[in-house]
Amino acid sequence: MNDSPAHDVSVDDRRFPGLRRRGFLAVAGGAAGLGALALAGCAGPGPAADTAKAGGKPRRGGRLRAAFAGGGASETLDPHLANLFADAARAKALFDKLADHGPDLSARPRLAARWEPGTGLDRWKVTLREAGFHNGKPVTAEDVLYSYRRITDPKKAFRAKASLEPIDLQASRALDERTVEFVLKRPTAEFPNVLAAFGAYIVPEGEQDFDGKPVGSGPFRFVSFAPGKSAVFRRNEDYWDGAPYLDELEFIVANEESARVNALLGGQIEYAHELDPTTGRAHEGKGRIEIIRLRNSAMQAFAMKTDRPPFDDKRVREAFFLIADRKELVAGALSGAGEIGNDLFGKGYEYYAASLPQREQDLDRAKALLKQAGAEGLKVTLDTSPVAAGFTEAATIFRDQAAKAGVTVTVRTGSKDSYWKDVLDSGTLCSYRSGAMPIEAHISQRLLTGSTTNATKWHHKDFDALYEQAQSTKDKAARTAVYERMQRRLHAEGGFLVWGFADWILGTARNVRGVEAEAPANSLDWARFDKVWLA
């Protein structure tokens, strides 16, 4: 599996003493359904972020070692299976999408040089830029069609399947080597968001083996891969968007936040993904490492399963909305590094229903609703895990808040290794978070009857129909009104209790330059190591 065994990092590897104890255990790591990082219009970067981006003229050379929480021995480099932040960061180093999301979550061209809609919005012509795979072959229209057909294989459960659902891939065709005509099942006004969907990477036609020696069109070429431990990539000198500054990029799996911090402080890595608020405060401005904050970024929530007791009763769900003291949750679970939520995803994004009143704690109303539902003295289990910062703290705080409404919450702490898989279908209430994606993508991936990551089991055909209506509406004001209608329903009776939006915190060595400080996770400039250099 590894071309170069020297790049394999084991638990006892003496190069990384700070990571030996727990950092390389095959523990599933915290990137939860990847989805919401950072708000369009979030606060600007602080002094540390400015320092990280400064540094004069970029220079070539060196290896950057980046530590992420990972997914254990089951990890893969198959970009269509990417789910955790580590998966996504590795995938974008090796592969490209047709489009990606800018800081404001609008679609930006990548492998697609341009896109043009037909008059009916049910046909889109996409022209590819001149780009090549690592094996020297050009990226063609047939590669695009193969990639999308692979993702939508009904026998598979690839993440981007729901996002690509509007495309009729049997009718879509290559007009020439660099032009694809996508035929859609219905008019879709925001088709570029489909091209930018999380996990919708373009791979060579016929490619199935991604863990032996994966071939992409991305800024780095494959060197070695040890699942749950490390991956090493080398600069692609022929990258269409300009060769990276770094000679090599190494991804290191370190599931414990303390291991990532200690390795950064000890000089064993140069980039640590996802640090706790307490860590950020402890090291910000102290001169040893740089702290970069992406303000009010990660959606923090509890997910209630709406298809089973007690949360199949919307009165119980509303009661739980009213039990939450959001200010206390942000202050306690996030150490104040964030802002309160209003039970909706995407605060500050396009189409966000900002006109809805901010929900406040109302224990009397919560008790009345529980009594109406015959749920007085309710007992529920809240599944959580230290898989993500603030999860266990938020669970404990919410347990105490619920007690004031006569609800007994038992907190059950699950394994980091399997938490996201376990809570997708099992249990009734769990800790949840998300990184950045357009609101319509959040809906398509998590809230439609056929969504593959529908953690709240929100299955409503009339809601599905509203989504299709929004997608088919050419007039933006009319489309916005449909999305607001959908969000009003979710705010009233949905399954996501969104209590806050956390700052996203990164740590880098002081010689690291070019890390973008206004890039939501999963967006184009997040974990974009081809633009990073070592001063």
Protein backbone atom coordinates (compact mmCIF):
# COMPACT_ATOMS: atom_id res chain seq x y z
CA MET A 1 0.00 0.00 0.00
CA ASN A 2 2.93 2.34 0.66
CA ASP A 3 5.42 3.12 -2.06
CA SER A 4 7.82 4.29 0.62
CA PRO A 5 7.67 2.52 4.00
CA ALA A 6 9.77 5.32 5.48
CA HIS A 7 6.70 7.52 5.29
CA ASP A 8 4.58 5.12 7.35
CA VAL A 9 4.04 6.59 10.81
CA SER A 10 3.40 4.07 13.55
CA VAL A 11 2.43 4.57 17.18
CA ASP A 12 6.02 4.11 18.25
CA ASP A 13 7.52 6.34 15.57
CA ARG A 14 10.22 8.30 17.38
CA ARG A 15 9.76 11.30 15.08
CA PHE A 16 6.50 12.10 16.84
CA PRO A 17 6.92 11.45 20.58
CA GLY A 18 4.12 13.90 21.35
CA LEU A 19 1.68 11.73 19.42
CA ARG A 20 2.64 8.32 20.77
CA ARG A 21 0.27 7.95 23.67
CA ARG A 22 -3.12 8.31 21.99
CA GLY A 23 -2.69 10.43 18.92
CA PHE A 24 -2.24 7.52 16.54
CA LEU A 25 -4.82 5.20 17.98
CA ALA A 26 -7.33 4.22 15.34
CA VAL A 27 -10.02 6.35 16.91
CA ALA A 28 -12.71 7.76 14.67
CA GLY A 29 -12.23 11.42 14.51
CA GLY A 30 -14.34 14.44 14.81
CA ALA A 31 -15.42 15.85 11.65
CA ALA A 32 -19.01 15.22 11.81
CA GLY A 33 -21.02 15.49 8.78
CA LEU A 34 -18.76 18.07 7.62
CA GLY A 35 -20.83 20.81 6.77
CA ALA A 36 -21.02 24.28 8.35
CA LEU A 37 -18.03 26.28 8.87
CA ALA A 38 -18.16 29.98 8.98
CA LEU A 39 -20.64 32.51 8.05
CA ALA A 40 -20.62 34.83 5.15
CA GLY A 41 -20.09 38.15 6.82
CA CYS A 42 -18.30 36.67 9.83
CA ALA A 43 -15.93 38.76 11.86
CA GLY A 44 -12.56 39.42 10.29
CA PRO A 45 -9.35 37.58 11.20
CA GLY A 46 -7.52 38.53 14.34
CA PRO A 47 -3.86 39.56 14.63
CA ALA A 48 -2.62 35.98 14.69
CA ALA A 49 -4.43 35.21 11.47
CA ASP A 50 -2.94 38.32 9.88
CA THR A 51 0.51 37.15 10.97
CA ALA A 52 -0.09 33.72 9.50
CA LYS A 53 -1.05 35.19 6.15
CA ALA A 54 1.78 37.73 6.06
CA GLY A 55 5.40 36.91 5.48
CA GLY A 56 6.46 38.45 2.21
CA LYS A 57 7.06 36.64 -1.03
CA PRO A 58 6.15 32.92 -1.04
CA ARG A 59 9.08 30.52 -1.22
CA ARG A 60 9.23 27.00 -2.52
CA GLY A 61 10.40 23.97 -0.62
CA GLY A 62 9.97 21.93 2.51
CA ARG A 63 7.45 19.47 3.89
CA LEU A 64 4.44 20.61 5.86
CA ARG A 65 3.04 18.13 8.39
CA ALA A 66 -0.66 18.63 9.12
CA ALA A 67 -2.48 16.82 11.94
CA PHE A 68 -6.18 16.01 11.72
CA ALA A 69 -8.55 13.76 13.62
CA GLY A 70 -9.06 10.70 11.45
CA GLY A 71 -11.19 7.63 10.90
CA GLY A 72 -9.03 4.74 12.02
CA ALA A 73 -7.95 1.70 10.03
CA SER A 74 -10.98 1.95 7.73
CA GLU A 75 -9.76 5.18 6.15
CA THR A 76 -9.64 5.39 2.37
CA LEU A 77 -8.42 7.84 -0.25
CA ASP A 78 -11.53 7.24 -2.34
CA PRO A 79 -12.67 10.88 -2.70
CA HIS A 80 -16.29 9.84 -3.17
CA LEU A 81 -16.28 8.28 0.30
CA ALA A 82 -14.86 11.38 2.01
CA ASN A 83 -16.82 12.18 5.15
CA LEU A 84 -14.49 13.48 7.85
CA PHE A 85 -12.45 16.68 7.63
CA ALA A 86 -9.29 14.61 7.25
CA ASP A 87 -10.85 12.77 4.29
CA ALA A 88 -11.85 16.03 2.65
CA ALA A 89 -8.44 17.65 3.14
CA ARG A 90 -6.65 14.65 1.61
CA ALA A 91 -9.17 14.47 -1.24
CA LYS A 92 -8.74 18.12 -2.23
CA ALA A 93 -4.96 17.70 -2.25
CA LEU A 94 -5.23 14.84 -4.76
CA PHE A 95 -8.39 15.65 -6.73
CA ASP A 96 -10.48 18.51 -8.10
CA LYS A 97 -14.18 19.24 -8.47
CA LEU A 98 -15.86 21.11 -11.31
CA ALA A 99 -16.60 23.93 -8.88
CA ASP A 100 -16.10 24.75 -5.22
CA HIS A 101 -17.55 27.14 -2.67
CA GLY A 102 -16.01 30.54 -2.04
CA PRO A 103 -16.02 32.22 1.39
CA ASP A 104 -19.61 33.35 0.83
CA LEU A 105 -20.64 29.81 -0.18
CA SER A 106 -21.21 30.82 -3.81
CA ALA A 107 -19.96 28.44 -6.48
CA ARG A 108 -16.56 29.23 -8.01
CA PRO A 109 -15.23 27.55 -11.18
CA ARG A 110 -12.48 24.96 -10.77
CA LEU A 111 -12.12 22.22 -13.41
CA ALA A 112 -15.10 23.86 -15.07
CA ALA A 113 -13.95 26.98 -16.90
CA ARG A 114 -17.57 28.11 -17.28
CA TRP A 115 -21.18 26.96 -17.23
CA GLU A 116 -24.16 28.15 -19.27
CA PRO A 117 -27.85 27.39 -18.61
CA GLY A 118 -30.38 26.69 -21.31
CA THR A 119 -33.46 28.87 -21.40
CA GLY A 120 -35.51 26.33 -19.46
CA LEU A 121 -32.88 25.76 -16.70
CA ASP A 122 -33.12 22.00 -17.38
CA ARG A 123 -30.00 21.81 -19.55
CA TRP A 124 -26.58 23.20 -18.61
CA LYS A 125 -23.47 23.23 -20.77
CA VAL A 126 -20.20 22.96 -18.82
CA THR A 127 -16.87 23.69 -20.53
CA LEU A 128 -13.78 22.18 -18.92
CA ARG A 129 -10.50 24.02 -18.59
CA GLU A 130 -7.33 22.40 -19.90
CA ALA A 131 -6.15 20.23 -17.02
CA GLY A 132 -4.38 16.92 -16.70
CA PHE A 133 -4.37 13.94 -14.36
CA HIS A 134 -1.20 12.88 -12.57
CA ASN A 135 -0.66 10.16 -15.19
CA GLY A 136 -0.45 12.77 -17.94
CA LYS A 137 -3.88 12.14 -19.44
CA PRO A 138 -6.19 15.14 -19.94
CA VAL A 139 -9.33 15.60 -17.86
CA THR A 140 -12.20 15.00 -20.29
CA ALA A 141 -15.97 15.15 -20.43
CA GLU A 142 -16.07 11.35 -20.24
CA ASP A 143 -14.12 11.45 -16.94
CA VAL A 144 -16.73 13.86 -15.57
CA LEU A 145 -19.65 11.67 -16.62
CA TYR A 146 -17.95 8.53 -15.27
CA SER A 147 -17.28 10.22 -11.92
CA TYR A 148 -20.86 11.41 -11.50
CA ARG A 149 -22.31 8.07 -12.57
CA ARG A 150 -20.07 6.30 -10.08
CA ILE A 151 -21.24 8.62 -7.28
CA THR A 152 -24.90 8.00 -8.12
CA ASP A 153 -24.60 4.21 -8.37
CA PRO A 154 -27.79 2.97 -6.64
CA LYS A 155 -25.79 0.13 -5.02
CA LYS A 156 -23.44 2.57 -3.31
CA ALA A 157 -23.85 5.18 -0.59
CA PHE A 158 -21.50 7.92 -1.74
CA ARG A 159 -21.91 11.22 0.07
CA ALA A 160 -22.61 13.40 -2.99
CA LYS A 161 -25.34 11.09 -4.35
CA ALA A 162 -28.21 13.21 -3.01
CA SER A 163 -26.63 16.42 -4.30
CA LEU A 164 -26.27 15.01 -7.82
CA GLU A 165 -29.85 13.68 -7.83
CA PRO A 166 -31.18 16.49 -10.11
CA ILE A 167 -29.00 15.26 -13.01
CA ASP A 168 -30.32 12.75 -15.54
CA LEU A 169 -26.97 11.07 -16.13
CA GLN A 170 -28.35 8.69 -18.74
CA ALA A 171 -29.42 11.61 -20.93
CA SER A 172 -26.37 13.78 -20.19
CA ARG A 173 -23.57 13.51 -22.73
CA ALA A 174 -20.15 14.65 -23.84
CA LEU A 175 -20.50 17.15 -26.71
CA ASP A 176 -16.74 16.99 -27.27
CA GLU A 177 -13.64 16.21 -25.21
CA ARG A 178 -14.02 19.29 -23.01
CA THR A 179 -17.77 20.02 -23.08
CA VAL A 180 -20.49 18.27 -21.08
CA GLU A 181 -24.19 18.80 -21.59
CA PHE A 182 -25.98 18.03 -18.35
CA VAL A 183 -29.64 17.19 -18.76
CA LEU A 184 -31.59 17.74 -15.55
CA LYS A 185 -34.71 16.02 -14.27
CA ARG A 186 -36.29 19.40 -13.60
CA PRO A 187 -35.31 23.05 -13.96
CA THR A 188 -32.58 23.85 -11.45
CA ALA A 189 -31.65 27.48 -10.97
CA GLU A 190 -28.65 26.80 -8.75
CA PHE A 191 -27.02 24.00 -10.71
CA PRO A 192 -23.48 25.37 -10.04
CA ASN A 193 -23.99 24.37 -6.39
CA VAL A 194 -24.44 20.80 -7.61
CA LEU A 195 -21.06 20.98 -9.33
CA ALA A 196 -19.52 22.23 -6.07
CA ALA A 197 -21.17 19.55 -3.92
CA PHE A 198 -19.15 18.04 -1.11
CA GLY A 199 -17.50 14.88 -2.39
CA ALA A 200 -18.25 15.44 -6.09
CA TYR A 201 -14.65 14.92 -7.20
CA ILE A 202 -13.61 14.10 -10.75
CA VAL A 203 -11.62 10.87 -11.16
CA PRO A 204 -10.24 9.16 -14.29
CA GLU A 205 -12.72 7.12 -16.28
CA GLY A 206 -12.83 3.53 -15.04
CA GLU A 207 -10.84 4.21 -11.85
CA GLN A 208 -11.87 2.11 -8.84
CA ASP A 209 -8.67 1.57 -6.82
CA PHE A 210 -7.88 4.65 -4.77
CA ASP A 211 -5.80 3.20 -1.95
CA GLY A 212 -3.06 1.61 -4.05
CA LYS A 213 -1.88 4.58 -6.09
CA PRO A 214 -4.70 7.08 -6.62
CA VAL A 215 -4.54 9.31 -9.69
CA GLY A 216 -6.23 12.69 -9.54
CA SER A 217 -5.81 16.13 -11.10
CA GLY A 218 -5.10 17.93 -7.82
CA PRO A 219 -2.10 19.97 -6.68
CA PHE A 220 -0.32 17.03 -5.04
CA ARG A 221 0.62 13.55 -6.24
CA PHE A 222 0.38 10.38 -4.18
CA VAL A 223 3.46 9.00 -2.39
CA SER A 224 2.18 6.78 0.42
CA PHE A 225 -0.81 6.03 2.61
CA ALA A 226 -1.19 4.19 5.92
CA PRO A 227 -4.89 4.27 6.94
CA GLY A 228 -5.41 5.78 10.38
CA LYS A 229 -1.80 6.95 10.51
CA SER A 230 -0.44 9.06 7.69
CA ALA A 231 -0.51 10.03 4.04
CA VAL A 232 2.33 11.64 2.11
CA PHE A 233 1.87 13.60 -1.11
CA ARG A 234 4.36 15.39 -3.39
CA ARG A 235 4.03 18.61 -5.38
CA ASN A 236 2.36 18.30 -8.79
CA GLU A 237 4.60 20.48 -10.96
CA ASP A 238 2.02 20.43 -13.75
CA TYR A 239 -1.00 21.52 -11.71
CA TRP A 240 -3.36 23.63 -13.81
CA ASP A 241 -3.73 26.25 -11.08
CA GLY A 242 0.01 26.59 -10.48
CA ALA A 243 2.37 24.21 -8.71
CA PRO A 244 2.24 24.26 -4.88
CA TYR A 245 5.03 25.96 -2.96
CA LEU A 246 5.59 22.95 -0.71
CA ASP A 247 7.74 20.03 -1.88
CA GLU A 248 5.73 17.59 0.19
CA LEU A 249 2.60 17.49 2.31
CA GLU A 250 2.10 14.93 5.07
CA PHE A 251 -1.23 14.29 6.76
CA ILE A 252 -0.89 12.81 10.23
CA VAL A 253 -3.78 11.30 12.17
CA ALA A 254 -3.95 12.54 15.75
CA ASN A 255 -7.41 12.10 17.21
CA GLU A 256 -6.73 13.67 20.59
CA GLU A 257 -6.75 17.45 20.53
CA SER A 258 -4.05 17.44 23.21
CA ALA A 259 -1.83 15.32 20.95
CA ARG A 260 -2.23 17.78 18.08
CA VAL A 261 -1.41 20.74 20.33
CA ASN A 262 1.62 19.05 21.93
CA ALA A 263 2.97 18.00 18.54
CA LEU A 264 2.61 21.58 17.29
CA LEU A 265 4.31 23.01 20.37
CA GLY A 266 7.04 20.37 20.09
CA GLY A 267 7.80 21.10 16.45
CA GLN A 268 6.65 17.68 15.17
CA ILE A 269 3.92 19.22 13.00
CA GLU A 270 3.32 22.63 11.44
CA TYR A 271 -0.50 22.65 11.20
CA ALA A 272 -3.07 21.45 13.73
CA HIS A 273 -6.69 21.25 12.66
CA GLU A 274 -9.53 21.86 15.10
CA LEU A 275 -8.35 23.16 18.46
CA ASP A 276 -10.50 23.70 21.53
CA PRO A 277 -11.51 27.22 22.63
CA THR A 278 -9.51 26.82 25.84
CA THR A 279 -6.43 25.95 23.79
CA GLY A 280 -6.98 28.95 21.57
CA ARG A 281 -7.18 31.28 24.55
CA ALA A 282 -4.16 29.74 26.23
CA HIS A 283 -1.85 30.22 23.25
CA GLU A 284 -3.23 33.21 21.36
CA GLY A 285 -0.69 36.02 21.18
CA LYS A 286 1.86 34.17 23.32
CA GLY A 287 4.40 33.82 20.51
CA ARG A 288 4.95 30.06 20.46
CA ILE A 289 2.34 29.14 17.84
CA GLU A 290 -0.17 31.05 15.74
CA ILE A 291 -3.91 30.74 16.42
CA ILE A 292 -6.28 31.32 13.50
CA ARG A 293 -9.99 31.80 14.17
CA LEU A 294 -12.78 31.40 11.67
CA ARG A 295 -15.50 33.28 13.50
CA ASN A 296 -18.89 31.78 14.42
CA SER A 297 -18.40 28.87 12.12
CA ALA A 298 -19.37 25.33 13.09
CA MET A 299 -23.07 24.67 13.61
CA GLN A 300 -23.61 23.12 17.03
CA ALA A 301 -26.82 21.16 17.60
CA PHE A 302 -28.70 18.26 19.08
CA ALA A 303 -30.39 16.01 16.54
CA MET A 304 -33.80 14.57 17.47
CA LYS A 305 -35.00 11.57 15.47
CA THR A 306 -38.44 12.57 14.25
CA ASP A 307 -39.53 9.07 13.20
CA ARG A 308 -39.60 7.46 16.65
CA PRO A 309 -40.80 8.14 20.22
CA PRO A 310 -40.63 10.52 21.91
CA PHE A 311 -39.63 12.87 19.09
CA ASP A 312 -42.23 11.65 16.60
CA ASP A 313 -44.51 14.09 18.47
CA LYS A 314 -43.77 17.63 17.30
CA ARG A 315 -44.92 18.99 20.67
CA VAL A 316 -42.04 17.17 22.33
CA ARG A 317 -39.61 18.59 19.77
CA GLU A 318 -40.91 22.11 20.38
CA ALA A 319 -40.58 21.55 24.12
CA PHE A 320 -36.91 20.66 23.66
CA PHE A 321 -36.37 23.80 21.58
CA LEU A 322 -37.76 25.77 24.53
CA ILE A 323 -35.72 23.90 27.16
CA ALA A 324 -32.42 25.03 25.66
CA ASP A 325 -30.70 28.06 27.18
CA ARG A 326 -28.53 28.88 24.20
CA LYS A 327 -26.44 31.55 25.92
CA GLU A 328 -25.50 29.12 28.66
CA LEU A 329 -24.59 26.44 26.10
CA VAL A 330 -22.35 28.82 24.13
CA ALA A 331 -20.72 30.14 27.30
CA GLY A 332 -20.18 26.71 28.84
CA ALA A 333 -19.59 24.31 25.95
CA LEU A 334 -17.75 26.75 23.66
CA SER A 335 -16.11 28.88 26.36
CA GLY A 336 -17.92 31.80 24.80
CA ALA A 337 -16.15 31.34 21.44
CA GLY A 338 -19.24 31.52 19.25
CA GLU A 339 -22.76 32.89 19.02
CA ILE A 340 -26.24 31.52 19.67
CA GLY A 341 -28.29 29.68 17.06
CA ASN A 342 -31.98 29.67 16.25
CA ASP A 343 -32.65 26.02 15.32
CA LEU A 344 -31.73 26.60 11.68
CA PHE A 345 -28.61 25.79 9.71
CA GLY A 346 -26.56 28.39 7.82
CA LYS A 347 -26.74 31.58 9.85
CA GLY A 348 -25.60 34.39 7.58
CA TYR A 349 -25.69 32.31 4.40
CA GLU A 350 -27.74 33.08 1.32
CA TYR A 351 -31.44 32.24 1.88
CA TYR A 352 -31.11 32.06 5.69
CA ALA A 353 -34.44 32.99 7.29
CA ALA A 354 -33.09 35.76 9.48
CA SER A 355 -36.57 37.24 9.95
CA LEU A 356 -37.69 34.44 12.26
CA PRO A 357 -37.74 35.50 15.93
CA GLN A 358 -34.85 34.31 18.07
CA ARG A 359 -36.08 31.45 20.23
CA GLU A 360 -35.55 31.90 23.97
CA GLN A 361 -35.75 29.45 26.86
CA ASP A 362 -39.32 29.09 28.15
CA LEU A 363 -39.55 26.28 30.69
CA ASP A 364 -43.22 26.88 31.52
CA ARG A 365 -44.24 26.55 27.88
CA ALA A 366 -41.99 23.48 27.53
CA LYS A 367 -43.69 21.81 30.51
CA ALA A 368 -47.14 22.61 29.09
CA LEU A 369 -46.23 21.08 25.72
CA LEU A 370 -44.87 17.93 27.36
CA LYS A 371 -48.08 17.61 29.39
CA GLN A 372 -50.19 17.98 26.23
CA ALA A 373 -48.11 15.24 24.60
CA GLY A 374 -48.56 12.93 27.59
CA ALA A 375 -44.82 13.10 28.17
CA GLU A 376 -44.63 14.39 31.73
CA GLY A 377 -41.68 12.83 33.54
CA LEU A 378 -40.06 12.04 30.17
CA LYS A 379 -36.79 10.11 30.23
CA VAL A 380 -34.46 10.20 27.21
CA THR A 381 -30.90 9.17 26.40
CA LEU A 382 -28.61 11.75 24.83
CA ASP A 383 -25.78 10.17 22.84
CA THR A 384 -22.57 12.15 22.75
CA SER A 385 -18.83 11.63 22.41
CA PRO A 386 -15.56 13.55 22.77
CA VAL A 387 -15.39 13.19 18.98
CA ALA A 388 -15.78 16.99 18.67
CA ALA A 389 -14.97 19.95 20.87
CA GLY A 390 -17.78 20.90 23.24
CA PHE A 391 -19.94 17.83 22.65
CA THR A 392 -19.71 16.27 26.09
CA GLU A 393 -19.84 19.66 27.81
CA ALA A 394 -22.97 20.67 25.88
CA ALA A 395 -24.63 17.35 26.69
CA THR A 396 -24.04 17.83 30.41
CA ILE A 397 -25.31 21.42 30.35
CA PHE A 398 -28.43 20.43 28.42
CA ARG A 399 -29.08 17.55 30.83
CA ASP A 400 -29.20 20.05 33.70
CA GLN A 401 -31.41 22.45 31.72
CA ALA A 402 -33.86 19.64 30.89
CA ALA A 403 -34.14 18.66 34.55
CA LYS A 404 -35.69 22.08 35.22
CA ALA A 405 -38.53 21.10 32.87
CA GLY A 406 -39.03 17.73 34.55
CA VAL A 407 -37.16 15.79 31.84
CA THR A 408 -34.55 13.23 32.84
CA VAL A 409 -31.71 13.13 30.30
CA THR A 410 -29.19 10.32 30.59
CA VAL A 411 -25.93 11.21 28.83
CA ARG A 412 -24.38 8.21 27.05
CA THR A 413 -20.81 8.69 25.84
CA GLY A 414 -20.00 6.73 22.69
CA SER A 415 -16.81 5.71 20.95
CA LYS A 416 -14.96 8.22 18.81
CA ASP A 417 -14.26 5.33 16.48
CA SER A 418 -17.83 4.80 15.39
CA TYR A 419 -19.85 7.73 16.74
CA TRP A 420 -21.00 9.22 13.43
CA LYS A 421 -21.96 5.85 12.03
CA ASP A 422 -23.71 4.80 15.25
CA VAL A 423 -25.88 7.89 15.70
CA LEU A 424 -26.97 8.20 12.07
CA ASP A 425 -29.61 5.49 12.48
CA SER A 426 -29.65 4.47 16.15
CA GLY A 427 -30.78 6.27 19.30
CA THR A 428 -33.23 9.14 19.57
CA LEU A 429 -31.20 12.21 20.57
CA CYS A 430 -27.54 12.99 19.87
CA SER A 431 -24.91 15.69 19.76
CA TYR A 432 -24.39 16.98 16.23
CA ARG A 433 -22.42 19.57 14.31
CA SER A 434 -21.84 20.67 10.73
CA GLY A 435 -19.42 22.62 8.60
CA ALA A 436 -20.05 24.86 5.58
CA MET A 437 -22.31 24.22 2.63
CA PRO A 438 -25.10 26.20 0.94
CA ILE A 439 -28.46 25.95 2.68
CA GLU A 440 -29.91 24.11 -0.32
CA ALA A 441 -27.10 21.53 -0.06
CA HIS A 442 -27.79 21.06 3.66
CA ILE A 443 -31.41 20.38 2.75
CA SER A 444 -30.58 17.96 -0.06
CA GLN A 445 -28.03 15.99 1.95
CA ARG A 446 -29.81 15.90 5.32
CA LEU A 447 -33.50 16.70 5.10
CA LEU A 448 -35.00 14.98 2.07
CA THR A 449 -36.63 11.56 2.23
CA GLY A 450 -33.81 10.07 0.16
CA SER A 451 -30.90 11.91 1.83
CA THR A 452 -28.09 9.55 2.80
CA THR A 453 -27.08 11.49 5.95
CA ASN A 454 -30.55 12.26 7.32
CA ALA A 455 -29.68 12.21 11.03
CA THR A 456 -33.08 13.53 12.17
CA LYS A 457 -35.04 11.11 9.93
CA TRP A 458 -37.03 14.05 8.58
CA HIS A 459 -39.15 12.31 5.92
CA HIS A 460 -41.90 14.49 4.42
CA LYS A 461 -42.95 14.27 0.78
CA ASP A 462 -44.48 17.76 0.86
CA PHE A 463 -41.16 19.14 2.14
CA ASP A 464 -39.35 17.28 -0.68
CA ALA A 465 -41.78 18.90 -3.13
CA LEU A 466 -41.02 22.37 -1.75
CA TYR A 467 -37.31 21.75 -2.27
CA GLU A 468 -37.95 20.78 -5.89
CA GLN A 469 -40.10 23.90 -6.29
CA ALA A 470 -37.31 26.11 -4.92
CA GLN A 471 -34.78 24.50 -7.22
CA SER A 472 -37.03 25.02 -10.22
CA THR A 473 -37.82 28.68 -9.52
CA LYS A 474 -35.86 31.02 -11.77
CA ASP A 475 -36.81 34.26 -10.01
CA LYS A 476 -34.55 34.68 -7.00
CA ALA A 477 -37.05 36.55 -4.84
CA ALA A 478 -39.64 33.83 -5.41
CA ARG A 479 -37.04 31.15 -4.73
CA THR A 480 -36.05 32.90 -1.48
CA ALA A 481 -39.70 32.86 -0.39
CA VAL A 482 -39.91 29.10 -0.86
CA TYR A 483 -36.74 28.52 1.16
CA GLU A 484 -38.12 30.74 3.92
CA ARG A 485 -41.32 28.72 3.98
CA MET A 486 -39.28 25.52 4.41
CA GLN A 487 -37.21 27.04 7.20
CA ARG A 488 -40.30 28.29 9.02
CA ARG A 489 -41.48 24.71 9.18
CA LEU A 490 -38.10 23.44 10.37
CA HIS A 491 -37.98 26.20 12.98
CA ALA A 492 -41.42 25.20 14.25
CA GLU A 493 -41.14 21.41 14.19
CA GLY A 494 -37.82 20.22 12.73
CA GLY A 495 -35.40 17.80 14.32
CA PHE A 496 -32.30 19.98 14.64
CA LEU A 497 -32.02 21.92 17.88
CA VAL A 498 -29.33 24.35 16.68
CA TRP A 499 -28.08 26.06 19.81
CA GLY A 500 -24.93 27.76 18.54
CA PHE A 501 -22.25 28.49 15.97
CA ALA A 502 -18.69 27.98 17.15
CA ASP A 503 -15.48 29.68 16.17
CA TRP A 504 -13.33 27.27 14.19
CA ILE A 505 -9.79 27.28 15.54
CA LEU A 506 -6.60 26.25 13.75
CA GLY A 507 -3.04 26.27 15.03
CA THR A 508 0.13 26.66 12.96
CA ALA A 509 3.83 26.93 13.51
CA ARG A 510 5.13 30.48 13.37
CA ASN A 511 6.88 29.91 10.04
CA VAL A 512 3.71 28.84 8.21
CA ARG A 513 2.34 31.37 5.74
CA GLY A 514 -0.63 31.52 3.40
CA VAL A 515 -3.30 29.91 5.60
CA GLU A 516 -6.57 31.57 4.65
CA ALA A 517 -8.30 33.07 7.68
CA GLU A 518 -11.74 33.56 6.10
CA ALA A 519 -12.39 30.12 4.66
CA PRO A 520 -15.23 28.00 6.02
CA ALA A 521 -14.39 24.33 6.36
CA ASN A 522 -15.18 22.41 3.19
CA SER A 523 -14.91 25.60 1.14
CA LEU A 524 -12.35 26.21 -1.58
CA ASP A 525 -9.66 27.90 0.53
CA TRP A 526 -10.00 25.75 3.65
CA ALA A 527 -7.11 23.26 4.03
CA ARG A 528 -5.79 24.54 0.72
CA PHE A 529 -2.19 23.51 1.16
CA ASP A 530 -1.15 24.32 -2.41
CA LYS A 531 -1.21 28.00 -1.40
CA VAL A 532 0.71 27.53 1.87
CA TRP A 533 4.46 27.96 2.26
CA LEU A 534 7.15 27.76 4.94
CA ALA A 535 8.99 31.00 5.66
